[in-house]
Amino acid sequence: MPDEDGSTLLVDAVYQKPSRWNVYQEETYKLSKRIRGITSLCFVLWKKVHIKGFYFQKMSKAFEQNHAGECDRIYGDSYRKAGSCVEGIGNNVSLVFDNMDFGGTGASKLTVYGRSPIDKNTLHIQFEGAKGESRQLVEFAYAEGYEERTFTLEPVKGPQKVMFIFLQGSNFDFGWFRFS
């Protein structure tokens, strides 16, 4: 509900279709942020309307900006969630992202937004799909503050489970990532 603690305005829009008796007319709006899971929605309207229904378009998670803190599962020896980030990632930590569909075209680049207080952090990216499992490595060099870095990958296609694996000696703060 508007003005309640924790509520967020997702869209401020005007429906401008001309009125047609007993005809529902579809309109599309882009929300200001992605919503996940079971969520309450509130529509605030200034005139009487009849809403037949609404639906959400499923986003292709593989090509969206994915925050590390929004992973499907996280486990390991040392890490802490800090809002949408995962910080202090150390020994044997894995962040799992399910249902990443790279389609037939696939992805060959990975952009990571992170911070590394040590000379280099090796990120092991494991892909699990119908054709088996593969692993690729990228090295994120020292960064005093959060920085965006893009890495080239061997092309990845189709539906995959993606795991970011950090081994012994890691010390990484992970903001988000995006495949392209």
N, C-alpha and C. Protein backbone atom coordinates (compact mmCIF):
# COMPACT_ATOMS: atom_id res chain seq x y z
N MET A 1 0.84 -1.18 0.00
CA MET A 1 0.00 0.00 0.00
C MET A 1 0.89 1.25 0.00
N PRO A 2 0.49 2.27 -0.70
CA PRO A 2 1.27 3.50 -0.70
C PRO A 2 1.48 4.03 0.71
N ASP A 3 2.62 4.62 0.93
CA ASP A 3 3.00 5.24 2.21
C ASP A 3 3.25 4.24 3.33
N GLU A 4 3.19 2.94 3.08
CA GLU A 4 3.56 1.96 4.10
C GLU A 4 5.06 1.75 4.07
N ASP A 5 5.65 1.43 5.22
CA ASP A 5 7.08 1.15 5.27
C ASP A 5 7.43 0.02 4.33
N GLY A 6 8.48 0.19 3.55
CA GLY A 6 8.94 -0.86 2.65
C GLY A 6 8.24 -0.88 1.30
N SER A 7 7.22 -0.05 1.09
CA SER A 7 6.54 -0.06 -0.20
C SER A 7 7.36 0.72 -1.22
N THR A 8 7.22 0.35 -2.49
CA THR A 8 7.98 0.96 -3.57
C THR A 8 7.04 1.29 -4.72
N LEU A 9 7.15 2.48 -5.27
CA LEU A 9 6.40 2.85 -6.46
C LEU A 9 7.09 2.21 -7.66
N LEU A 10 6.39 1.31 -8.35
CA LEU A 10 6.97 0.60 -9.48
C LEU A 10 6.74 1.30 -10.81
N VAL A 11 5.62 2.02 -10.92
CA VAL A 11 5.36 2.75 -12.16
C VAL A 11 4.32 3.84 -11.87
N ASP A 12 4.53 5.01 -12.48
CA ASP A 12 3.56 6.10 -12.43
C ASP A 12 3.19 6.34 -13.88
N ALA A 13 2.03 5.85 -14.30
CA ALA A 13 1.68 5.85 -15.72
C ALA A 13 0.25 6.33 -15.92
N VAL A 14 -0.03 6.73 -17.15
CA VAL A 14 -1.37 7.16 -17.53
C VAL A 14 -1.86 6.22 -18.63
N TYR A 15 -3.07 5.69 -18.46
CA TYR A 15 -3.70 4.87 -19.48
C TYR A 15 -4.42 5.81 -20.44
N GLN A 16 -4.03 5.82 -21.72
CA GLN A 16 -4.54 6.83 -22.64
C GLN A 16 -5.31 6.25 -23.83
N LYS A 17 -5.79 5.04 -23.72
CA LYS A 17 -6.58 4.47 -24.83
C LYS A 17 -7.96 5.14 -24.85
N PRO A 18 -8.51 5.37 -26.04
CA PRO A 18 -9.86 5.95 -26.10
C PRO A 18 -10.88 4.93 -25.58
N SER A 19 -11.89 5.42 -24.92
CA SER A 19 -12.91 4.55 -24.34
C SER A 19 -13.74 3.87 -25.43
N ARG A 20 -13.88 2.55 -25.30
CA ARG A 20 -14.72 1.76 -26.24
C ARG A 20 -15.61 0.88 -25.38
N TRP A 21 -16.90 0.97 -25.57
CA TRP A 21 -17.88 0.26 -24.77
C TRP A 21 -17.63 -1.25 -24.78
N ASN A 22 -17.46 -1.82 -23.59
CA ASN A 22 -17.37 -3.26 -23.38
C ASN A 22 -16.18 -3.91 -24.12
N VAL A 23 -15.12 -3.14 -24.32
CA VAL A 23 -13.92 -3.67 -24.99
C VAL A 23 -12.72 -3.41 -24.08
N TYR A 24 -12.00 -4.47 -23.77
CA TYR A 24 -10.76 -4.34 -23.00
C TYR A 24 -9.61 -4.10 -23.96
N GLN A 25 -8.77 -3.12 -23.66
CA GLN A 25 -7.66 -2.76 -24.54
C GLN A 25 -6.35 -2.90 -23.77
N GLU A 26 -5.45 -3.70 -24.33
CA GLU A 26 -4.19 -4.00 -23.65
C GLU A 26 -3.23 -2.81 -23.71
N GLU A 27 -2.48 -2.65 -22.63
CA GLU A 27 -1.43 -1.63 -22.55
C GLU A 27 -0.23 -2.24 -21.83
N THR A 28 0.97 -1.81 -22.19
CA THR A 28 2.19 -2.35 -21.59
C THR A 28 2.93 -1.25 -20.84
N TYR A 29 3.41 -1.60 -19.63
CA TYR A 29 4.18 -0.66 -18.82
C TYR A 29 5.45 -1.36 -18.35
N LYS A 30 6.55 -0.61 -18.28
CA LYS A 30 7.81 -1.14 -17.77
C LYS A 30 7.96 -0.69 -16.32
N LEU A 31 8.18 -1.66 -15.43
CA LEU A 31 8.35 -1.36 -14.02
C LEU A 31 9.75 -0.83 -13.73
N SER A 32 9.89 -0.08 -12.66
CA SER A 32 11.18 0.52 -12.32
C SER A 32 12.17 -0.48 -11.75
N LYS A 33 11.67 -1.64 -11.29
CA LYS A 33 12.57 -2.68 -10.80
C LYS A 33 11.91 -4.04 -11.00
N ARG A 34 12.74 -5.06 -11.00
CA ARG A 34 12.25 -6.43 -11.16
C ARG A 34 11.62 -6.87 -9.84
N ILE A 35 10.47 -7.53 -9.95
CA ILE A 35 9.85 -8.10 -8.75
C ILE A 35 9.96 -9.61 -8.83
N ARG A 36 10.10 -10.23 -7.66
CA ARG A 36 10.32 -11.68 -7.60
C ARG A 36 9.43 -12.28 -6.54
N GLY A 37 9.07 -13.55 -6.74
CA GLY A 37 8.33 -14.29 -5.74
C GLY A 37 6.92 -13.79 -5.55
N ILE A 38 6.35 -14.10 -4.41
CA ILE A 38 5.00 -13.69 -4.08
C ILE A 38 5.06 -12.28 -3.53
N THR A 39 4.34 -11.36 -4.17
CA THR A 39 4.42 -9.95 -3.84
C THR A 39 3.03 -9.34 -3.86
N SER A 40 2.75 -8.44 -2.96
CA SER A 40 1.48 -7.70 -2.97
C SER A 40 1.61 -6.50 -3.89
N LEU A 41 0.56 -6.25 -4.68
CA LEU A 41 0.53 -5.10 -5.57
C LEU A 41 -0.68 -4.24 -5.22
N CYS A 42 -0.55 -2.95 -5.41
CA CYS A 42 -1.64 -2.02 -5.16
C CYS A 42 -1.75 -1.10 -6.37
N PHE A 43 -2.95 -0.95 -6.91
CA PHE A 43 -3.20 -0.03 -8.02
C PHE A 43 -3.95 1.18 -7.46
N VAL A 44 -3.43 2.37 -7.69
CA VAL A 44 -4.09 3.60 -7.26
C VAL A 44 -4.62 4.26 -8.54
N LEU A 45 -5.94 4.43 -8.61
CA LEU A 45 -6.60 4.96 -9.81
C LEU A 45 -7.41 6.19 -9.45
N TRP A 46 -7.54 7.10 -10.40
CA TRP A 46 -8.28 8.35 -10.16
C TRP A 46 -9.67 8.31 -10.76
N LYS A 47 -9.95 7.37 -11.66
CA LYS A 47 -11.28 7.23 -12.26
C LYS A 47 -11.68 5.77 -12.22
N LYS A 48 -12.97 5.54 -12.34
CA LYS A 48 -13.49 4.17 -12.35
C LYS A 48 -12.98 3.44 -13.60
N VAL A 49 -12.46 2.24 -13.38
CA VAL A 49 -11.99 1.42 -14.50
C VAL A 49 -12.39 -0.04 -14.25
N HIS A 50 -12.37 -0.80 -15.30
CA HIS A 50 -12.55 -2.24 -15.22
C HIS A 50 -11.26 -2.87 -15.73
N ILE A 51 -10.62 -3.66 -14.90
CA ILE A 51 -9.38 -4.33 -15.29
C ILE A 51 -9.71 -5.80 -15.49
N LYS A 52 -9.52 -6.28 -16.71
CA LYS A 52 -9.79 -7.69 -17.01
C LYS A 52 -8.72 -8.58 -16.40
N GLY A 53 -7.50 -8.08 -16.31
CA GLY A 53 -6.41 -8.86 -15.75
C GLY A 53 -5.08 -8.24 -16.15
N PHE A 54 -4.02 -8.87 -15.68
CA PHE A 54 -2.69 -8.41 -16.05
C PHE A 54 -1.74 -9.60 -15.97
N TYR A 55 -0.60 -9.47 -16.63
CA TYR A 55 0.41 -10.51 -16.59
C TYR A 55 1.78 -9.86 -16.69
N PHE A 56 2.78 -10.63 -16.29
CA PHE A 56 4.15 -10.16 -16.33
C PHE A 56 4.91 -10.95 -17.37
N GLN A 57 5.77 -10.28 -18.10
CA GLN A 57 6.62 -10.94 -19.07
C GLN A 57 7.84 -11.48 -18.35
N LYS A 58 8.13 -12.76 -18.54
CA LYS A 58 9.29 -13.36 -17.91
C LYS A 58 10.55 -12.82 -18.58
N MET A 59 11.46 -12.34 -17.77
CA MET A 59 12.71 -11.78 -18.29
C MET A 59 13.72 -12.90 -18.51
N SER A 60 14.60 -12.69 -19.48
CA SER A 60 15.68 -13.63 -19.71
C SER A 60 16.79 -13.32 -18.71
N LYS A 61 16.75 -14.01 -17.59
CA LYS A 61 17.67 -13.75 -16.48
C LYS A 61 19.14 -13.80 -16.91
N ALA A 62 19.45 -14.61 -17.92
CA ALA A 62 20.83 -14.79 -18.34
C ALA A 62 21.45 -13.49 -18.87
N PHE A 63 20.64 -12.63 -19.47
CA PHE A 63 21.18 -11.41 -20.07
C PHE A 63 20.83 -10.15 -19.28
N GLU A 64 20.26 -10.32 -18.11
CA GLU A 64 19.94 -9.20 -17.23
C GLU A 64 21.08 -8.98 -16.24
N GLN A 65 21.08 -7.83 -15.61
CA GLN A 65 22.03 -7.58 -14.52
C GLN A 65 21.51 -8.34 -13.30
N ASN A 66 22.32 -9.26 -12.79
CA ASN A 66 21.94 -10.10 -11.65
C ASN A 66 22.79 -9.74 -10.44
N HIS A 67 22.15 -9.32 -9.37
CA HIS A 67 22.87 -8.97 -8.15
C HIS A 67 23.30 -10.25 -7.43
N ALA A 68 24.52 -10.23 -6.93
CA ALA A 68 25.07 -11.41 -6.24
C ALA A 68 24.19 -11.83 -5.07
N GLY A 69 23.64 -10.88 -4.34
CA GLY A 69 22.80 -11.18 -3.19
C GLY A 69 21.46 -11.79 -3.55
N GLU A 70 21.11 -11.80 -4.83
CA GLU A 70 19.85 -12.39 -5.27
C GLU A 70 20.05 -13.80 -5.85
N CYS A 71 21.16 -14.43 -5.50
CA CYS A 71 21.42 -15.79 -5.99
C CYS A 71 20.36 -16.74 -5.43
N ASP A 72 20.18 -17.87 -6.12
CA ASP A 72 19.21 -18.86 -5.66
C ASP A 72 19.69 -19.59 -4.42
N ARG A 73 21.00 -19.80 -4.33
CA ARG A 73 21.59 -20.44 -3.16
C ARG A 73 23.01 -19.92 -2.98
N ILE A 74 23.43 -19.89 -1.73
CA ILE A 74 24.81 -19.52 -1.43
C ILE A 74 25.27 -20.39 -0.26
N TYR A 75 26.48 -20.88 -0.36
CA TYR A 75 27.03 -21.68 0.74
C TYR A 75 28.54 -21.58 0.69
N GLY A 76 29.17 -21.85 1.83
CA GLY A 76 30.62 -21.81 1.91
C GLY A 76 31.09 -21.40 3.29
N ASP A 77 32.41 -21.23 3.41
CA ASP A 77 33.04 -20.99 4.70
C ASP A 77 32.91 -19.55 5.19
N SER A 78 33.10 -18.55 4.30
CA SER A 78 33.05 -17.17 4.80
C SER A 78 32.52 -16.22 3.73
N TYR A 79 31.46 -15.51 4.11
CA TYR A 79 30.84 -14.48 3.29
C TYR A 79 29.82 -13.76 4.16
N ARG A 80 29.39 -12.58 3.70
CA ARG A 80 28.30 -11.88 4.38
C ARG A 80 27.48 -11.15 3.32
N LYS A 81 26.18 -11.18 3.49
CA LYS A 81 25.29 -10.45 2.59
C LYS A 81 25.22 -9.01 3.07
N ALA A 82 25.39 -8.09 2.13
CA ALA A 82 25.32 -6.66 2.43
C ALA A 82 24.38 -6.04 1.40
N GLY A 83 23.09 -6.05 1.70
CA GLY A 83 22.10 -5.57 0.74
C GLY A 83 22.05 -6.50 -0.45
N SER A 84 22.23 -5.96 -1.65
CA SER A 84 22.19 -6.78 -2.86
C SER A 84 23.57 -7.36 -3.20
N CYS A 85 24.58 -7.07 -2.40
CA CYS A 85 25.95 -7.57 -2.63
C CYS A 85 26.27 -8.72 -1.69
N VAL A 86 27.29 -9.47 -2.04
CA VAL A 86 27.86 -10.48 -1.14
C VAL A 86 29.32 -10.07 -0.97
N GLU A 87 29.72 -9.80 0.28
CA GLU A 87 31.05 -9.28 0.55
C GLU A 87 31.85 -10.25 1.41
N GLY A 88 33.15 -10.04 1.41
CA GLY A 88 34.04 -10.87 2.20
C GLY A 88 34.02 -12.32 1.76
N ILE A 89 33.83 -12.55 0.47
CA ILE A 89 33.77 -13.92 -0.04
C ILE A 89 35.15 -14.54 0.09
N GLY A 90 35.21 -15.64 0.81
CA GLY A 90 36.49 -16.29 1.05
C GLY A 90 36.47 -17.74 0.60
N ASN A 91 37.09 -18.57 1.38
CA ASN A 91 37.33 -19.98 1.08
C ASN A 91 36.06 -20.79 0.79
N ASN A 92 36.06 -21.50 -0.33
CA ASN A 92 35.03 -22.47 -0.69
C ASN A 92 33.61 -21.91 -0.68
N VAL A 93 33.40 -20.76 -1.26
CA VAL A 93 32.07 -20.16 -1.34
C VAL A 93 31.54 -20.35 -2.76
N SER A 94 30.27 -20.75 -2.85
CA SER A 94 29.60 -20.92 -4.15
C SER A 94 28.31 -20.12 -4.17
N LEU A 95 28.10 -19.36 -5.24
CA LEU A 95 26.85 -18.66 -5.49
C LEU A 95 26.20 -19.33 -6.68
N VAL A 96 24.96 -19.79 -6.52
CA VAL A 96 24.27 -20.57 -7.54
C VAL A 96 23.12 -19.75 -8.13
N PHE A 97 23.06 -19.72 -9.45
CA PHE A 97 21.99 -19.06 -10.18
C PHE A 97 21.34 -20.09 -11.10
N ASP A 98 20.11 -20.48 -10.78
CA ASP A 98 19.38 -21.47 -11.57
C ASP A 98 18.68 -20.80 -12.76
N ASN A 99 18.27 -21.63 -13.71
CA ASN A 99 17.41 -21.21 -14.83
C ASN A 99 17.96 -20.04 -15.64
N MET A 100 19.21 -20.15 -16.03
CA MET A 100 19.83 -19.14 -16.89
C MET A 100 19.79 -19.69 -18.32
N ASP A 101 18.95 -19.11 -19.17
CA ASP A 101 18.82 -19.61 -20.54
C ASP A 101 19.51 -18.66 -21.51
N PHE A 102 20.61 -19.14 -22.10
CA PHE A 102 21.41 -18.34 -23.02
C PHE A 102 20.93 -18.46 -24.47
N GLY A 103 19.87 -19.26 -24.70
CA GLY A 103 19.31 -19.41 -26.03
C GLY A 103 20.29 -20.00 -27.03
N GLY A 104 19.91 -19.95 -28.31
CA GLY A 104 20.73 -20.50 -29.37
C GLY A 104 21.91 -19.63 -29.72
N THR A 105 21.78 -18.32 -29.52
CA THR A 105 22.87 -17.39 -29.82
C THR A 105 23.97 -17.48 -28.78
N GLY A 106 23.59 -17.58 -27.53
CA GLY A 106 24.54 -17.74 -26.45
C GLY A 106 25.19 -16.45 -25.99
N ALA A 107 26.15 -16.61 -25.09
CA ALA A 107 26.90 -15.48 -24.53
C ALA A 107 28.38 -15.78 -24.62
N SER A 108 29.17 -14.73 -24.87
CA SER A 108 30.63 -14.90 -24.95
C SER A 108 31.36 -13.85 -24.11
N LYS A 109 30.61 -13.06 -23.36
CA LYS A 109 31.22 -12.05 -22.49
C LYS A 109 30.53 -12.09 -21.13
N LEU A 110 31.30 -11.74 -20.11
CA LEU A 110 30.80 -11.65 -18.75
C LEU A 110 31.30 -10.34 -18.15
N THR A 111 30.37 -9.52 -17.69
CA THR A 111 30.73 -8.29 -17.00
C THR A 111 30.48 -8.51 -15.51
N VAL A 112 31.48 -8.22 -14.69
CA VAL A 112 31.40 -8.39 -13.24
C VAL A 112 31.64 -7.03 -12.59
N TYR A 113 30.78 -6.70 -11.63
CA TYR A 113 30.94 -5.50 -10.83
C TYR A 113 31.35 -5.96 -9.44
N GLY A 114 32.62 -5.68 -9.08
CA GLY A 114 33.13 -6.18 -7.81
C GLY A 114 34.28 -5.37 -7.28
N ARG A 115 34.83 -5.87 -6.17
CA ARG A 115 35.96 -5.20 -5.51
C ARG A 115 36.89 -6.29 -5.00
N SER A 116 38.20 -6.08 -5.22
CA SER A 116 39.19 -7.06 -4.80
C SER A 116 40.29 -6.36 -3.99
N PRO A 117 40.34 -6.61 -2.68
CA PRO A 117 41.41 -6.00 -1.88
C PRO A 117 42.75 -6.71 -2.02
N ILE A 118 42.79 -7.83 -2.74
CA ILE A 118 44.05 -8.54 -2.97
C ILE A 118 44.43 -8.42 -4.45
N ASP A 119 45.66 -8.83 -4.78
CA ASP A 119 46.16 -8.67 -6.15
C ASP A 119 45.24 -9.26 -7.21
N LYS A 120 44.75 -10.47 -6.99
CA LYS A 120 43.81 -11.06 -7.95
C LYS A 120 42.95 -12.12 -7.27
N ASN A 121 41.70 -12.14 -7.69
CA ASN A 121 40.75 -13.17 -7.27
C ASN A 121 40.39 -13.98 -8.50
N THR A 122 40.48 -15.28 -8.39
CA THR A 122 40.08 -16.14 -9.49
C THR A 122 38.64 -16.55 -9.28
N LEU A 123 37.79 -16.23 -10.25
CA LEU A 123 36.39 -16.62 -10.23
C LEU A 123 36.25 -17.84 -11.13
N HIS A 124 35.81 -18.95 -10.56
CA HIS A 124 35.53 -20.15 -11.33
C HIS A 124 34.04 -20.09 -11.68
N ILE A 125 33.72 -20.10 -12.97
CA ILE A 125 32.32 -20.05 -13.39
C ILE A 125 31.99 -21.42 -13.96
N GLN A 126 31.11 -22.11 -13.28
CA GLN A 126 30.72 -23.46 -13.69
C GLN A 126 29.34 -23.41 -14.33
N PHE A 127 29.22 -24.03 -15.51
CA PHE A 127 27.97 -24.10 -16.24
C PHE A 127 27.51 -25.55 -16.26
N GLU A 128 26.26 -25.80 -15.89
CA GLU A 128 25.69 -27.15 -15.92
C GLU A 128 24.44 -27.12 -16.78
N GLY A 129 24.49 -27.87 -17.90
CA GLY A 129 23.35 -27.92 -18.82
C GLY A 129 23.13 -29.33 -19.33
N ALA A 130 22.27 -29.44 -20.34
CA ALA A 130 21.91 -30.74 -20.91
C ALA A 130 23.12 -31.46 -21.50
N LYS A 131 24.11 -30.73 -21.97
CA LYS A 131 25.29 -31.34 -22.58
C LYS A 131 26.42 -31.57 -21.58
N GLY A 132 26.11 -31.41 -20.29
CA GLY A 132 27.12 -31.67 -19.27
C GLY A 132 27.56 -30.41 -18.54
N GLU A 133 28.75 -30.51 -18.00
CA GLU A 133 29.29 -29.47 -17.13
C GLU A 133 30.57 -28.92 -17.74
N SER A 134 30.77 -27.60 -17.62
CA SER A 134 32.03 -26.99 -18.06
C SER A 134 32.40 -25.90 -17.06
N ARG A 135 33.67 -25.56 -17.03
CA ARG A 135 34.13 -24.54 -16.08
C ARG A 135 35.06 -23.58 -16.82
N GLN A 136 34.89 -22.28 -16.55
CA GLN A 136 35.76 -21.26 -17.12
C GLN A 136 36.28 -20.40 -15.98
N LEU A 137 37.44 -19.80 -16.20
CA LEU A 137 38.08 -18.99 -15.17
C LEU A 137 38.25 -17.56 -15.66
N VAL A 138 38.04 -16.60 -14.74
CA VAL A 138 38.40 -15.21 -15.00
C VAL A 138 39.12 -14.70 -13.76
N GLU A 139 40.01 -13.75 -13.96
CA GLU A 139 40.76 -13.20 -12.83
C GLU A 139 40.43 -11.72 -12.68
N PHE A 140 39.92 -11.39 -11.50
CA PHE A 140 39.56 -10.02 -11.17
C PHE A 140 40.71 -9.44 -10.36
N ALA A 141 41.44 -8.48 -10.97
CA ALA A 141 42.61 -7.88 -10.33
C ALA A 141 42.20 -6.86 -9.27
N TYR A 142 43.17 -6.43 -8.50
CA TYR A 142 42.98 -5.48 -7.40
C TYR A 142 42.10 -4.30 -7.81
N ALA A 143 41.15 -3.96 -6.96
CA ALA A 143 40.32 -2.77 -7.14
C ALA A 143 39.97 -2.24 -5.75
N GLU A 144 40.36 -1.01 -5.48
CA GLU A 144 40.10 -0.42 -4.16
C GLU A 144 38.61 -0.23 -3.91
N GLY A 145 37.90 0.22 -4.94
CA GLY A 145 36.45 0.39 -4.86
C GLY A 145 35.79 -0.56 -5.85
N TYR A 146 34.47 -0.60 -5.82
CA TYR A 146 33.75 -1.44 -6.78
C TYR A 146 34.02 -0.95 -8.19
N GLU A 147 34.33 -1.90 -9.08
CA GLU A 147 34.60 -1.58 -10.48
C GLU A 147 33.91 -2.60 -11.38
N GLU A 148 33.59 -2.15 -12.58
CA GLU A 148 32.98 -3.00 -13.60
C GLU A 148 34.08 -3.49 -14.53
N ARG A 149 34.18 -4.82 -14.71
CA ARG A 149 35.18 -5.39 -15.61
C ARG A 149 34.50 -6.41 -16.52
N THR A 150 34.92 -6.44 -17.79
CA THR A 150 34.34 -7.36 -18.77
C THR A 150 35.38 -8.37 -19.20
N PHE A 151 34.96 -9.65 -19.24
CA PHE A 151 35.84 -10.76 -19.59
C PHE A 151 35.26 -11.51 -20.79
N THR A 152 36.15 -12.06 -21.62
CA THR A 152 35.73 -12.88 -22.75
C THR A 152 35.66 -14.34 -22.31
N LEU A 153 34.58 -15.01 -22.71
CA LEU A 153 34.36 -16.43 -22.36
C LEU A 153 34.26 -17.27 -23.62
N GLU A 154 34.46 -18.56 -23.45
CA GLU A 154 34.08 -19.50 -24.50
C GLU A 154 32.56 -19.43 -24.57
N PRO A 155 31.95 -19.42 -25.78
CA PRO A 155 30.50 -19.27 -25.87
C PRO A 155 29.73 -20.31 -25.05
N VAL A 156 28.67 -19.83 -24.40
CA VAL A 156 27.78 -20.66 -23.59
C VAL A 156 26.39 -20.54 -24.19
N LYS A 157 25.74 -21.68 -24.44
CA LYS A 157 24.42 -21.66 -25.07
C LYS A 157 23.43 -22.51 -24.29
N GLY A 158 22.15 -22.24 -24.53
CA GLY A 158 21.08 -23.05 -23.97
C GLY A 158 20.86 -22.84 -22.48
N PRO A 159 19.92 -23.62 -21.92
CA PRO A 159 19.61 -23.52 -20.48
C PRO A 159 20.78 -24.05 -19.63
N GLN A 160 21.14 -23.29 -18.60
CA GLN A 160 22.27 -23.64 -17.75
C GLN A 160 21.98 -23.27 -16.30
N LYS A 161 22.62 -23.99 -15.40
CA LYS A 161 22.74 -23.55 -14.02
C LYS A 161 24.13 -22.95 -13.95
N VAL A 162 24.26 -21.74 -13.38
CA VAL A 162 25.54 -21.05 -13.31
C VAL A 162 25.97 -20.95 -11.85
N MET A 163 27.22 -21.37 -11.60
CA MET A 163 27.78 -21.27 -10.25
C MET A 163 29.06 -20.46 -10.30
N PHE A 164 29.17 -19.48 -9.40
CA PHE A 164 30.42 -18.75 -9.21
C PHE A 164 31.08 -19.38 -7.99
N ILE A 165 32.27 -19.94 -8.19
CA ILE A 165 32.96 -20.68 -7.14
C ILE A 165 34.25 -19.93 -6.77
N PHE A 166 34.44 -19.74 -5.47
CA PHE A 166 35.62 -19.05 -4.95
C PHE A 166 36.37 -20.04 -4.07
N LEU A 167 37.64 -20.26 -4.36
CA LEU A 167 38.43 -21.25 -3.64
C LEU A 167 39.33 -20.58 -2.60
N GLN A 168 40.15 -21.39 -1.96
CA GLN A 168 41.05 -20.93 -0.91
C GLN A 168 41.87 -19.73 -1.38
N GLY A 169 42.01 -18.74 -0.53
CA GLY A 169 42.78 -17.54 -0.86
C GLY A 169 41.94 -16.41 -1.43
N SER A 170 40.66 -16.66 -1.68
CA SER A 170 39.78 -15.61 -2.22
C SER A 170 39.47 -14.57 -1.15
N ASN A 171 39.27 -13.36 -1.62
CA ASN A 171 38.79 -12.26 -0.78
C ASN A 171 38.13 -11.29 -1.74
N PHE A 172 36.83 -11.43 -1.93
CA PHE A 172 36.13 -10.72 -3.00
C PHE A 172 34.81 -10.17 -2.53
N ASP A 173 34.49 -8.98 -2.99
CA ASP A 173 33.19 -8.36 -2.77
C ASP A 173 32.47 -8.33 -4.12
N PHE A 174 31.32 -8.99 -4.20
CA PHE A 174 30.60 -9.22 -5.46
C PHE A 174 29.32 -8.40 -5.48
N GLY A 175 29.27 -7.44 -6.42
CA GLY A 175 28.08 -6.60 -6.58
C GLY A 175 27.06 -7.24 -7.50
N TRP A 176 27.43 -7.39 -8.78
CA TRP A 176 26.51 -7.97 -9.76
C TRP A 176 27.31 -8.49 -10.96
N PHE A 177 26.58 -9.18 -11.85
CA PHE A 177 27.17 -9.66 -13.10
C PHE A 177 26.13 -9.62 -14.20
N ARG A 178 26.61 -9.65 -15.45
CA ARG A 178 25.73 -9.67 -16.62
C ARG A 178 26.46 -10.38 -17.75
N PHE A 179 25.78 -11.31 -18.41
CA PHE A 179 26.33 -11.98 -19.59
C PHE A 179 25.88 -11.23 -20.85
N SER A 180 26.70 -11.27 -21.88
CA SER A 180 26.33 -10.67 -23.18
C SER A 180 26.99 -11.47 -24.29
